C-alpha atoms as a PDB file:
ATOM      1  CA  MET A   1    -216.560  72.220-118.798  1.00  0.00           C
ATOM      2  CA  PRO A   2    -217.970  72.488-122.325  1.00  0.00           C
ATOM      3  CA  GLN A   3    -215.054  74.380-123.945  1.00  0.00           C
ATOM      4  CA  PRO A   4    -212.228  72.342-122.363  1.00  0.00           C
ATOM      5  CA  TRP A   5    -214.149  69.190-123.268  1.00  0.00           C
ATOM      6  CA  SER A   6    -214.072  70.166-126.910  1.00  0.00           C
ATOM      7  CA  VAL A   7    -210.299  70.618-126.657  1.00  0.00           C
ATOM      8  CA  LEU A   8    -209.992  67.200-124.983  1.00  0.00           C
ATOM      9  CA  TRP A   9    -212.057  65.576-127.754  1.00  0.00           C
ATOM     10  CA  GLU A  10    -209.668  67.015-130.340  1.00  0.00           C
ATOM     11  CA  LEU A  11    -206.851  65.101-128.600  1.00  0.00           C
ATOM     12  CA  LEU A  12    -208.576  61.768-129.236  1.00  0.00           C
ATOM     13  CA  PRO A  13    -206.930  59.899-132.106  1.00  0.00           C
ATOM     14  CA  ASN A  14    -208.733  57.978-134.826  1.00  0.00           C
ATOM     15  CA  ARG A  15    -211.937  60.026-134.614  1.00  0.00           C
ATOM     16  CA  THR A  16    -214.198  58.872-137.408  1.00  0.00           C
ATOM     17  CA  ARG A  17    -217.413  60.186-138.869  1.00  0.00           C
ATOM     18  CA  VAL A  18    -220.037  57.453-138.745  1.00  0.00           C
ATOM     19  CA  GLY A  19    -223.238  58.359-140.555  1.00  0.00           C
ATOM     20  CA  ALA A  20    -224.484  61.605-139.050  1.00  0.00           C
ATOM     21  CA  GLY A  21    -222.392  61.162-135.899  1.00  0.00           C
ATOM     22  CA  TRP A  22    -218.854  60.512-134.733  1.00  0.00           C
ATOM     23  CA  GLN A  23    -216.934  57.710-133.124  1.00  0.00           C
ATOM     24  CA  PRO A  24    -216.147  58.439-130.363  1.00  0.00           C
ATOM     25  CA  PRO A  25    -219.271  60.549-129.892  1.00  0.00           C
ATOM     26  CA  LEU A  26    -218.910  64.310-129.765  1.00  0.00           C
ATOM     27  CA  PRO A  27    -218.520  65.960-126.378  1.00  0.00           C
ATOM     28  CA  LEU A  28    -221.716  67.244-124.822  1.00  0.00           C
ATOM     29  CA  ILE A  29    -221.281  70.943-125.508  1.00  0.00           C
ATOM     30  CA  LEU A  30    -223.413  73.820-126.759  1.00  0.00           C
ATOM     31  CA  GLY A  31    -227.125  72.925-126.720  1.00  0.00           C
ATOM     32  CA  ALA A  32    -226.428  69.309-125.750  1.00  0.00           C
ATOM     33  CA  TRP A  33    -224.860  70.471-122.474  1.00  0.00           C
ATOM     34  CA  ASP A  34    -228.071  71.943-121.078  1.00  0.00           C
ATOM     35  CA  ASP A  35    -230.269  69.086-122.281  1.00  0.00           C
ATOM     36  CA  THR A  36    -228.139  66.216-120.958  1.00  0.00           C
ATOM     37  CA  PRO A  37    -228.506  64.763-117.445  1.00  0.00           C
ATOM     38  CA  ASN A  38    -225.387  64.818-115.265  1.00  0.00           C
ATOM     39  CA  MET A  39    -224.991  61.028-115.277  1.00  0.00           C
ATOM     40  CA  LEU A  40    -224.845  60.964-119.082  1.00  0.00           C
ATOM     41  CA  LYS A  41    -222.220  63.733-119.039  1.00  0.00           C
ATOM     42  CA  MET A  42    -220.092  61.617-116.695  1.00  0.00           C
ATOM     43  CA  LEU A  43    -220.543  58.532-118.866  1.00  0.00           C
ATOM     44  CA  ARG A  44    -219.559  60.423-122.031  1.00  0.00           C
ATOM     45  CA  LEU A  45    -216.405  61.753-120.393  1.00  0.00           C
ATOM     46  CA  ALA A  46    -215.556  58.236-119.206  1.00  0.00           C
ATOM     47  CA  GLU A  47    -216.112  56.982-122.758  1.00  0.00           C
ATOM     48  CA  HIS A  48    -213.654  59.574-124.063  1.00  0.00           C
ATOM     49  CA  ILE A  49    -211.057  58.611-121.457  1.00  0.00           C
ATOM     50  CA  GLU A  50    -211.490  54.931-122.351  1.00  0.00           C
ATOM     51  CA  TRP A  51    -211.134  55.776-126.050  1.00  0.00           C
ATOM     52  CA  ALA A  52    -207.894  57.616-125.280  1.00  0.00           C
ATOM     53  CA  ALA A  53    -206.594  54.610-123.329  1.00  0.00           C
ATOM     54  CA  LYS A  54    -207.444  52.162-126.130  1.00  0.00           C
ATOM     55  CA  HIS A  55    -205.865  54.370-128.798  1.00  0.00           C
ATOM     56  CA  GLY A  56    -202.606  55.299-127.094  1.00  0.00           C
ATOM     57  CA  ALA A  57    -203.565  58.843-126.105  1.00  0.00           C
ATOM     58  CA  LEU A  58    -204.159  58.498-122.394  1.00  0.00           C
ATOM     59  CA  GLU A  59    -201.161  60.617-121.392  1.00  0.00           C
ATOM     60  CA  PRO A  60    -202.107  63.761-123.374  1.00  0.00           C
ATOM     61  CA  VAL A  61    -205.726  63.449-122.269  1.00  0.00           C
ATOM     62  CA  ALA A  62    -204.694  62.931-118.643  1.00  0.00           C
ATOM     63  CA  ARG A  63    -202.406  65.960-118.898  1.00  0.00           C
ATOM     64  CA  ALA A  64    -205.236  68.076-120.322  1.00  0.00           C
ATOM     65  CA  LEU A  65    -207.502  67.026-117.447  1.00  0.00           C
ATOM     66  CA  ARG A  66    -204.824  67.702-114.830  1.00  0.00           C
ATOM     67  CA  ASP A  67    -204.194  71.127-116.330  1.00  0.00           C
ATOM     68  CA  LEU A  68    -207.803  72.230-115.899  1.00  0.00           C
ATOM     69  CA  ARG A  69    -208.314  74.903-113.273  1.00  0.00           C
ATOM     70  CA  GLU A  70    -210.836  74.088-110.570  1.00  0.00           C
ATOM     71  CA  ASP A  71    -213.348  76.549-112.031  1.00  0.00           C
ATOM     72  CA  GLU A  72    -213.167  74.740-115.392  1.00  0.00           C
ATOM     73  CA  TRP A  73    -214.531  71.519-113.890  1.00  0.00           C
ATOM     74  CA  PHE A  74    -218.247  70.854-113.753  1.00  0.00           C
ATOM     75  CA  HIS A  75    -219.438  69.842-110.306  1.00  0.00           C
ATOM     76  CA  ILE A  76    -222.791  68.197-109.734  1.00  0.00           C
ATOM     77  CA  GLY A  77    -224.967  70.837-108.227  1.00  0.00           C
ATOM     78  CA  ASP A  78    -223.408  73.607-110.360  1.00  0.00           C
END
């Protein structure tokens, strides 16, 4: 899911650089993907969905998630 996650993150409004990071935090892609436990990946995605809900972008984010093909989803055990 790394590439679609990057696309989803771009849909989030009001992204702001905070120090060396971002608010909301960047998606766990590239090197971070391999080094991050599954539970933290799930929590980060939930954080992005919550951000979308709080900032009026839940519908485009929900649409992007619904449009993912099954093979674009990450399944625990993959």
